Amino acid sequence: MDIVKHNKSAWDQYVDKKDRWTIPVTDEELENARKGNWSVVLTPNRPIPKDWFPPMEGLKILGLASGGGQQGPIFASLGAEVTIFDNSDRQLEQDQKISEKHNLGIKTVQGDMRDLSVLANESFDLIFNPCSIVFVDNVLPVWAECFRVLKPGGVLMTGLINPLSFQIDEDSFKLIYKQPFSDLHSLPKEKLEELKKNNEPLVFGHSLTDQIGGQLDAGLVVTAMFEDTWDVDNKMDDYLPSFIATRAIKS
């Protein structure tokens, strides 16, 4: 099946459902950001340390698969030149509305994060990629494209998911799925059909070799990382943090 097309439709629908990751920042949050009081996340809970960021004024930022009007408007209000690239038109509309309302000058581009060919080589100082690579079946092209569009010395910040969180059954805590996990190939047929019927996004549990080693193989150098937990009640949080945030630079 066409994963990109399916997940595009699913995330378009999530906007109608008012999923947490589709709700834009408020006017108050933007005003606070202009006063220096702001935070953004790559993973559900833990804010990104401020020292991960270069000075924002004039910084060329690519929000990769980060539509929804959450991070982009914050960056733009701090003086950055922001482009948001996302698979979902409805998510991009959230950024467009906030940008027009506050005259933020945010550019939006619809497409597959594995193919950034519409963007020029070495055109961005920072790529901000919230936890979204789970929605593509092969993450390695993403890292290659990030390396290509980053300027030398540019920074990639991305949110990852520990593959074990997909392989362990949340109720029994038994290891039931082989790595790499894929909704398409790991789930029983009836569970997959239910996801497709309900138009839920399909996900892929990439190995740490592909998630972190893939960044290194693309030419990036990881300079910092931390782990995080879910933002809702999840039994897994009592045993292991399911999320990882990494900061890497193009050397």
C-alpha atoms as a PDB file:
ATOM      1  CA  MET A   1       0.000   0.000   0.000  1.00  0.00           C
ATOM      2  CA  ASP A   2       0.994   3.649  -0.387  1.00  0.00           C
ATOM      3  CA  ILE A   3       2.198   4.482   3.141  1.00  0.00           C
ATOM      4  CA  VAL A   4       2.802   8.159   2.376  1.00  0.00           C
ATOM      5  CA  LYS A   5      -0.716   8.613   1.009  1.00  0.00           C
ATOM      6  CA  HIS A   6      -2.314   6.699   3.879  1.00  0.00           C
ATOM      7  CA  ASN A   7      -0.455   8.604   6.611  1.00  0.00           C
ATOM      8  CA  LYS A   8      -1.184  11.919   4.894  1.00  0.00           C
ATOM      9  CA  SER A   9      -4.901  11.157   5.080  1.00  0.00           C
ATOM     10  CA  ALA A  10      -4.602   9.975   8.682  1.00  0.00           C
ATOM     11  CA  TRP A  11      -2.878  13.167   9.835  1.00  0.00           C
ATOM     12  CA  ASP A  12      -5.332  15.324   7.895  1.00  0.00           C
ATOM     13  CA  GLN A  13      -8.046  13.571   9.899  1.00  0.00           C
ATOM     14  CA  TYR A  14      -6.133  14.099  13.165  1.00  0.00           C
ATOM     15  CA  VAL A  15      -6.547  17.846  12.660  1.00  0.00           C
ATOM     16  CA  ASP A  16     -10.323  17.364  12.672  1.00  0.00           C
ATOM     17  CA  LYS A  17      -9.988  15.215  15.799  1.00  0.00           C
ATOM     18  CA  LYS A  18      -7.933  17.994  17.456  1.00  0.00           C
ATOM     19  CA  ASP A  19      -5.101  15.633  18.335  1.00  0.00           C
ATOM     20  CA  ARG A  20      -2.566  17.232  20.694  1.00  0.00           C
ATOM     21  CA  TRP A  21       0.058  17.473  17.961  1.00  0.00           C
ATOM     22  CA  THR A  22      -2.272  19.419  15.648  1.00  0.00           C
ATOM     23  CA  ILE A  23      -3.212  22.262  18.013  1.00  0.00           C
ATOM     24  CA  PRO A  24      -1.320  25.497  17.256  1.00  0.00           C
ATOM     25  CA  VAL A  25       0.331  27.749  19.801  1.00  0.00           C
ATOM     26  CA  THR A  26      -1.805  30.455  21.386  1.00  0.00           C
ATOM     27  CA  ASP A  27      -1.409  34.211  21.062  1.00  0.00           C
ATOM     28  CA  GLU A  28      -0.241  34.241  24.682  1.00  0.00           C
ATOM     29  CA  GLU A  29       2.480  31.669  23.988  1.00  0.00           C
ATOM     30  CA  LEU A  30       3.797  33.728  21.074  1.00  0.00           C
ATOM     31  CA  GLU A  31       3.794  36.884  23.181  1.00  0.00           C
ATOM     32  CA  ASN A  32       5.700  35.059  25.921  1.00  0.00           C
ATOM     33  CA  ALA A  33       8.190  33.776  23.337  1.00  0.00           C
ATOM     34  CA  ARG A  34       8.934  37.335  22.226  1.00  0.00           C
ATOM     35  CA  LYS A  35       9.707  38.127  25.860  1.00  0.00           C
ATOM     36  CA  GLY A  36      12.165  35.214  26.019  1.00  0.00           C
ATOM     37  CA  ASN A  37       9.867  32.740  27.771  1.00  0.00           C
ATOM     38  CA  TRP A  38       9.508  29.800  25.394  1.00  0.00           C
ATOM     39  CA  SER A  39      10.098  26.082  25.018  1.00  0.00           C
ATOM     40  CA  VAL A  40       9.615  23.430  22.323  1.00  0.00           C
ATOM     41  CA  VAL A  41       9.725  19.631  22.337  1.00  0.00           C
ATOM     42  CA  LEU A  42      11.002  16.917  20.024  1.00  0.00           C
ATOM     43  CA  THR A  43       9.543  14.196  22.248  1.00  0.00           C
ATOM     44  CA  PRO A  44       6.350  14.273  24.333  1.00  0.00           C
ATOM     45  CA  ASN A  45       7.476  15.942  27.566  1.00  0.00           C
ATOM     46  CA  ARG A  46      11.009  17.202  28.025  1.00  0.00           C
ATOM     47  CA  PRO A  47      11.747  20.660  26.572  1.00  0.00           C
ATOM     48  CA  ILE A  48      14.824  21.034  24.379  1.00  0.00           C
ATOM     49  CA  PRO A  49      17.704  22.695  26.279  1.00  0.00           C
ATOM     50  CA  LYS A  50      18.145  26.280  25.123  1.00  0.00           C
ATOM     51  CA  ASP A  51      21.876  25.704  24.622  1.00  0.00           C
ATOM     52  CA  TRP A  52      21.081  23.240  21.824  1.00  0.00           C
ATOM     53  CA  PHE A  53      20.027  26.225  19.693  1.00  0.00           C
ATOM     54  CA  PRO A  54      22.180  28.771  17.862  1.00  0.00           C
ATOM     55  CA  PRO A  55      21.073  32.434  18.135  1.00  0.00           C
ATOM     56  CA  MET A  56      17.638  32.639  16.513  1.00  0.00           C
ATOM     57  CA  GLU A  57      17.768  36.019  14.782  1.00  0.00           C
ATOM     58  CA  GLY A  58      18.011  35.402  11.030  1.00  0.00           C
ATOM     59  CA  LEU A  59      18.509  31.646  11.487  1.00  0.00           C
ATOM     60  CA  LYS A  60      17.207  29.618   8.542  1.00  0.00           C
ATOM     61  CA  ILE A  61      15.156  26.792  10.065  1.00  0.00           C
ATOM     62  CA  LEU A  62      13.523  23.807   8.386  1.00  0.00           C
ATOM     63  CA  GLY A  63      10.714  22.312  10.448  1.00  0.00           C
ATOM     64  CA  LEU A  64      10.821  18.790   9.035  1.00  0.00           C
ATOM     65  CA  ALA A  65       7.550  16.862   9.411  1.00  0.00           C
ATOM     66  CA  SER A  66       6.630  19.411  12.084  1.00  0.00           C
ATOM     67  CA  GLY A  67       3.403  20.905  10.789  1.00  0.00           C
ATOM     68  CA  GLY A  68       0.661  21.827  13.213  1.00  0.00           C
ATOM     69  CA  GLY A  69       1.553  25.402  14.118  1.00  0.00           C
ATOM     70  CA  GLN A  70       3.471  24.487  17.255  1.00  0.00           C
ATOM     71  CA  GLN A  71       7.225  24.939  16.857  1.00  0.00           C
ATOM     72  CA  GLY A  72       7.456  26.971  13.637  1.00  0.00           C
ATOM     73  CA  PRO A  73       5.565  30.023  14.927  1.00  0.00           C
ATOM     74  CA  ILE A  74       7.694  30.080  18.077  1.00  0.00           C
ATOM     75  CA  PHE A  75      10.894  30.100  16.022  1.00  0.00           C
ATOM     76  CA  ALA A  76       9.545  32.748  13.646  1.00  0.00           C
ATOM     77  CA  SER A  77       8.496  34.994  16.519  1.00  0.00           C
ATOM     78  CA  LEU A  78      12.111  34.821  17.752  1.00  0.00           C
ATOM     79  CA  GLY A  79      13.386  36.177  14.440  1.00  0.00           C
ATOM     80  CA  ALA A  80      14.143  32.974  12.506  1.00  0.00           C
ATOM     81  CA  GLU A  81      13.301  32.435   8.827  1.00  0.00           C
ATOM     82  CA  VAL A  82      11.106  29.340   8.990  1.00  0.00           C
ATOM     83  CA  THR A  83      10.097  26.763   6.380  1.00  0.00           C
ATOM     84  CA  ILE A  84       7.723  23.980   7.457  1.00  0.00           C
ATOM     85  CA  PHE A  85       7.808  20.762   5.422  1.00  0.00           C
ATOM     86  CA  ASP A  86       5.078  18.215   6.163  1.00  0.00           C
ATOM     87  CA  ASN A  87       3.140  15.392   4.523  1.00  0.00           C
ATOM     88  CA  SER A  88      -0.240  16.697   5.754  1.00  0.00           C
ATOM     89  CA  ASP A  89      -1.867  19.671   4.028  1.00  0.00           C
ATOM     90  CA  ARG A  90      -4.141  20.197   7.018  1.00  0.00           C
ATOM     91  CA  GLN A  91      -1.174  20.357   9.388  1.00  0.00           C
ATOM     92  CA  LEU A  92       0.488  22.915   7.136  1.00  0.00           C
ATOM     93  CA  GLU A  93      -2.718  24.972   7.203  1.00  0.00           C
ATOM     94  CA  GLN A  94      -2.268  25.346  10.959  1.00  0.00           C
ATOM     95  CA  ASP A  95       1.115  26.997  10.414  1.00  0.00           C
ATOM     96  CA  GLN A  96      -0.225  29.145   7.586  1.00  0.00           C
ATOM     97  CA  LYS A  97      -3.087  30.480   9.705  1.00  0.00           C
ATOM     98  CA  ILE A  98      -0.813  31.424  12.603  1.00  0.00           C
ATOM     99  CA  SER A  99       1.730  32.943  10.232  1.00  0.00           C
ATOM    100  CA  GLU A 100      -0.851  35.112   8.478  1.00  0.00           C
ATOM    101  CA  LYS A 101      -2.447  36.190  11.744  1.00  0.00           C
ATOM    102  CA  HIS A 102       0.871  37.299  13.263  1.00  0.00           C
ATOM    103  CA  ASN A 103       2.755  38.227  10.058  1.00  0.00           C
ATOM    104  CA  LEU A 104       5.480  35.636  10.722  1.00  0.00           C
ATOM    105  CA  GLY A 105       6.461  34.934   7.118  1.00  0.00           C
ATOM    106  CA  ILE A 106       6.464  31.140   7.520  1.00  0.00           C
ATOM    107  CA  LYS A 107       6.819  29.188   4.273  1.00  0.00           C
ATOM    108  CA  THR A 108       5.075  25.806   3.965  1.00  0.00           C
ATOM    109  CA  VAL A 109       5.908  22.893   1.660  1.00  0.00           C
ATOM    110  CA  GLN A 110       3.943  19.650   1.319  1.00  0.00           C
ATOM    111  CA  GLY A 111       5.856  16.438   0.656  1.00  0.00           C
ATOM    112  CA  ASP A 112       7.491  13.200   1.766  1.00  0.00           C
ATOM    113  CA  MET A 113      10.312  13.755   4.288  1.00  0.00           C
ATOM    114  CA  ARG A 114      12.473  11.211   2.431  1.00  0.00           C
ATOM    115  CA  ASP A 115      12.573  13.495  -0.624  1.00  0.00           C
ATOM    116  CA  LEU A 116      13.533  17.140  -0.056  1.00  0.00           C
ATOM    117  CA  SER A 117      14.524  17.708  -3.683  1.00  0.00           C
ATOM    118  CA  VAL A 118      12.474  20.927  -3.819  1.00  0.00           C
ATOM    119  CA  LEU A 119      14.926  22.395  -1.270  1.00  0.00           C
ATOM    120  CA  ALA A 120      18.387  23.595  -2.286  1.00  0.00           C
ATOM    121  CA  ASN A 121      21.677  22.157  -1.073  1.00  0.00           C
ATOM    122  CA  GLU A 122      23.129  23.745   2.068  1.00  0.00           C
ATOM    123  CA  SER A 123      20.187  26.092   2.574  1.00  0.00           C
ATOM    124  CA  PHE A 124      19.379  25.666   6.284  1.00  0.00           C
ATOM    125  CA  ASP A 125      21.189  26.389   9.554  1.00  0.00           C
ATOM    126  CA  LEU A 126      18.905  24.157  11.626  1.00  0.00           C
ATOM    127  CA  ILE A 127      16.531  21.270  10.979  1.00  0.00           C
ATOM    128  CA  PHE A 128      13.950  20.650  13.703  1.00  0.00           C
ATOM    129  CA  ASN A 129      12.386  17.191  13.311  1.00  0.00           C
ATOM    130  CA  PRO A 130       9.914  16.243  16.064  1.00  0.00           C
ATOM    131  CA  CYS A 131       9.241  12.541  16.569  1.00  0.00           C
ATOM    132  CA  SER A 132       7.937  11.651  13.097  1.00  0.00           C
ATOM    133  CA  ILE A 133      10.325   9.266  11.353  1.00  0.00           C
ATOM    134  CA  VAL A 134       8.144   6.416  12.662  1.00  0.00           C
ATOM    135  CA  PHE A 135       5.748   7.264   9.827  1.00  0.00           C
ATOM    136  CA  VAL A 136       8.165   6.308   7.026  1.00  0.00           C
ATOM    137  CA  ASP A 137       9.268   2.769   6.234  1.00  0.00           C
ATOM    138  CA  ASN A 138      12.907   3.678   5.526  1.00  0.00           C
ATOM    139  CA  VAL A 139      14.579   6.406   7.584  1.00  0.00           C
ATOM    140  CA  LEU A 140      18.013   6.373   5.920  1.00  0.00           C
ATOM    141  CA  PRO A 141      16.985   8.647   3.014  1.00  0.00           C
ATOM    142  CA  VAL A 142      15.759  11.177   5.596  1.00  0.00           C
ATOM    143  CA  TRP A 143      19.238  11.509   7.126  1.00  0.00           C
ATOM    144  CA  ALA A 144      20.860  11.776   3.694  1.00  0.00           C
ATOM    145  CA  GLU A 145      18.488  14.572   2.699  1.00  0.00           C
ATOM    146  CA  CYS A 146      18.989  16.371   6.025  1.00  0.00           C
ATOM    147  CA  PHE A 147      22.751  16.306   5.476  1.00  0.00           C
ATOM    148  CA  ARG A 148      22.332  17.653   1.951  1.00  0.00           C
ATOM    149  CA  VAL A 149      20.143  20.655   2.835  1.00  0.00           C
ATOM    150  CA  LEU A 150      22.093  21.608   5.977  1.00  0.00           C
ATOM    151  CA  LYS A 151      24.831  24.205   5.742  1.00  0.00           C
ATOM    152  CA  PRO A 152      28.281  23.153   7.010  1.00  0.00           C
ATOM    153  CA  GLY A 153      28.096  23.394  10.782  1.00  0.00           C
ATOM    154  CA  GLY A 154      24.296  23.189  10.616  1.00  0.00           C
ATOM    155  CA  VAL A 155      22.330  21.424  13.337  1.00  0.00           C
ATOM    156  CA  LEU A 156      19.809  18.560  13.135  1.00  0.00           C
ATOM    157  CA  MET A 157      17.536  18.001  16.125  1.00  0.00           C
ATOM    158  CA  THR A 158      15.300  14.965  15.945  1.00  0.00           C
ATOM    159  CA  GLY A 159      12.988  12.860  18.092  1.00  0.00           C
ATOM    160  CA  LEU A 160      13.348   9.067  17.992  1.00  0.00           C
ATOM    161  CA  ILE A 161      11.514   6.109  19.530  1.00  0.00           C
ATOM    162  CA  ASN A 162      13.261   3.213  21.241  1.00  0.00           C
ATOM    163  CA  PRO A 163      12.399   0.208  19.029  1.00  0.00           C
ATOM    164  CA  LEU A 164      11.766  -1.911  22.123  1.00  0.00           C
ATOM    165  CA  SER A 165       8.654   0.137  22.861  1.00  0.00           C
ATOM    166  CA  PHE A 166       7.100  -1.349  19.711  1.00  0.00           C
ATOM    167  CA  GLN A 167       8.317  -4.891  20.334  1.00  0.00           C
ATOM    168  CA  ILE A 168       7.022  -5.277  23.906  1.00  0.00           C
ATOM    169  CA  ASP A 169       3.337  -5.886  24.565  1.00  0.00           C
ATOM    170  CA  GLU A 170       2.145  -3.136  26.910  1.00  0.00           C
ATOM    171  CA  ASP A 171      -0.199  -5.407  28.894  1.00  0.00           C
ATOM    172  CA  SER A 172       1.862  -8.577  29.316  1.00  0.00           C
ATOM    173  CA  PHE A 173       5.299  -6.922  29.007  1.00  0.00           C
ATOM    174  CA  LYS A 174       6.386  -9.832  26.858  1.00  0.00           C
ATOM    175  CA  LEU A 175       8.678  -9.380  23.901  1.00  0.00           C
ATOM    176  CA  ILE A 176       6.313 -10.391  21.102  1.00  0.00           C
ATOM    177  CA  TYR A 177       7.484  -8.607  17.942  1.00  0.00           C
ATOM    178  CA  LYS A 178      10.767  -9.001  16.105  1.00  0.00           C
ATOM    179  CA  GLN A 179      12.899  -6.024  15.156  1.00  0.00           C
ATOM    180  CA  PRO A 180      12.340  -4.039  13.037  1.00  0.00           C
ATOM    181  CA  PHE A 181       8.655  -3.590  13.919  1.00  0.00           C
ATOM    182  CA  SER A 182       6.221  -2.603  11.192  1.00  0.00           C
ATOM    183  CA  ASP A 183       2.458  -2.192  11.393  1.00  0.00           C
ATOM    184  CA  LEU A 184       2.360  -3.627   7.878  1.00  0.00           C
ATOM    185  CA  HIS A 185       4.309  -6.798   8.537  1.00  0.00           C
ATOM    186  CA  SER A 186       4.357  -7.365  12.321  1.00  0.00           C
ATOM    187  CA  LEU A 187       0.704  -7.017  13.315  1.00  0.00           C
ATOM    188  CA  PRO A 188      -1.906  -9.751  12.898  1.00  0.00           C
ATOM    189  CA  LYS A 189      -3.992  -9.102   9.813  1.00  0.00           C
ATOM    190  CA  GLU A 190      -7.103  -8.175  11.802  1.00  0.00           C
ATOM    191  CA  LYS A 191      -5.249  -5.503  13.814  1.00  0.00           C
ATOM    192  CA  LEU A 192      -3.774  -3.997  10.675  1.00  0.00           C
ATOM    193  CA  GLU A 193      -7.170  -3.928   8.984  1.00  0.00           C
ATOM    194  CA  GLU A 194      -8.646  -2.179  12.017  1.00  0.00           C
ATOM    195  CA  LEU A 195      -5.972   0.525  11.860  1.00  0.00           C
ATOM    196  CA  LYS A 196      -6.602   1.030   8.154  1.00  0.00           C
ATOM    197  CA  LYS A 197     -10.388   1.080   8.634  1.00  0.00           C
ATOM    198  CA  ASN A 198     -10.067   3.743  11.350  1.00  0.00           C
ATOM    199  CA  ASN A 199      -7.612   5.718   9.199  1.00  0.00           C
ATOM    200  CA  GLU A 200      -4.939   5.622  11.913  1.00  0.00           C
ATOM    201  CA  PRO A 201      -1.328   6.422  10.967  1.00  0.00           C
ATOM    202  CA  LEU A 202       0.815   3.348  10.321  1.00  0.00           C
ATOM    203  CA  VAL A 203       4.171   3.257  12.116  1.00  0.00           C
ATOM    204  CA  PHE A 204       7.585   1.622  11.825  1.00  0.00           C
ATOM    205  CA  GLY A 205       9.931   0.843  14.726  1.00  0.00           C
ATOM    206  CA  HIS A 206      13.347   1.524  13.218  1.00  0.00           C
ATOM    207  CA  SER A 207      16.456   0.007  14.790  1.00  0.00           C
ATOM    208  CA  LEU A 208      18.845   2.223  16.741  1.00  0.00           C
ATOM    209  CA  THR A 209      21.409   1.360  14.078  1.00  0.00           C
ATOM    210  CA  ASP A 210      19.208   3.096  11.487  1.00  0.00           C
ATOM    211  CA  GLN A 211      18.064   5.893  13.781  1.00  0.00           C
ATOM    212  CA  ILE A 212      21.390   6.930  15.325  1.00  0.00           C
ATOM    213  CA  GLY A 213      23.932   5.009  13.259  1.00  0.00           C
ATOM    214  CA  GLY A 214      22.137   6.252  10.155  1.00  0.00           C
ATOM    215  CA  GLN A 215      22.778   9.853  11.152  1.00  0.00           C
ATOM    216  CA  LEU A 216      26.468   9.089  11.628  1.00  0.00           C
ATOM    217  CA  ASP A 217      26.698   7.246   8.315  1.00  0.00           C
ATOM    218  CA  ALA A 218      25.122  10.238   6.565  1.00  0.00           C
ATOM    219  CA  GLY A 219      27.998  12.391   7.806  1.00  0.00           C
ATOM    220  CA  LEU A 220      26.381  13.936  10.866  1.00  0.00           C
ATOM    221  CA  VAL A 221      28.048  14.012  14.286  1.00  0.00           C
ATOM    222  CA  VAL A 222      25.817  13.492  17.332  1.00  0.00           C
ATOM    223  CA  THR A 223      26.740  16.018  20.013  1.00  0.00           C
ATOM    224  CA  ALA A 224      23.985  15.548  22.616  1.00  0.00           C
ATOM    225  CA  MET A 225      21.001  13.376  23.511  1.00  0.00           C
ATOM    226  CA  PHE A 226      18.456  12.667  26.231  1.00  0.00           C
ATOM    227  CA  GLU A 227      15.588  10.227  26.862  1.00  0.00           C
ATOM    228  CA  ASP A 228      11.910  10.957  27.524  1.00  0.00           C
ATOM    229  CA  THR A 229       8.592   9.274  28.360  1.00  0.00           C
ATOM    230  CA  TRP A 230       5.055   9.327  26.949  1.00  0.00           C
ATOM    231  CA  ASP A 231       2.747  12.293  27.582  1.00  0.00           C
ATOM    232  CA  VAL A 232      -0.196  10.065  28.591  1.00  0.00           C
ATOM    233  CA  ASP A 233      -0.497   7.145  30.995  1.00  0.00           C
ATOM    234  CA  ASN A 234       1.614   4.349  29.579  1.00  0.00           C
ATOM    235  CA  LYS A 235       2.760   1.351  31.588  1.00  0.00           C
ATOM    236  CA  MET A 236       6.031   1.323  29.674  1.00  0.00           C
ATOM    237  CA  ASP A 237       7.131   4.484  31.499  1.00  0.00           C
ATOM    238  CA  ASP A 238       7.649   2.465  34.698  1.00  0.00           C
ATOM    239  CA  TYR A 239      10.243   0.312  32.953  1.00  0.00           C
ATOM    240  CA  LEU A 240      12.011   2.326  30.262  1.00  0.00           C
ATOM    241  CA  PRO A 241      11.902   5.726  28.546  1.00  0.00           C
ATOM    242  CA  SER A 242      10.452   5.178  25.094  1.00  0.00           C
ATOM    243  CA  PHE A 243      11.780   8.331  23.436  1.00  0.00           C
ATOM    244  CA  ILE A 244      15.207   9.691  22.528  1.00  0.00           C
ATOM    245  CA  ALA A 245      16.104  13.205  21.375  1.00  0.00           C
ATOM    246  CA  THR A 246      19.383  13.765  19.545  1.00  0.00           C
ATOM    247  CA  ARG A 247      21.316  16.836  18.453  1.00  0.00           C
ATOM    248  CA  ALA A 248      23.750  16.396  15.561  1.00  0.00           C
ATOM    249  CA  ILE A 249      25.847  18.724  13.418  1.00  0.00           C
ATOM    250  CA  LYS A 250      27.033  18.614   9.826  1.00  0.00           C
ATOM    251  CA  SER A 251      30.786  18.549  10.276  1.00  0.00           C
END
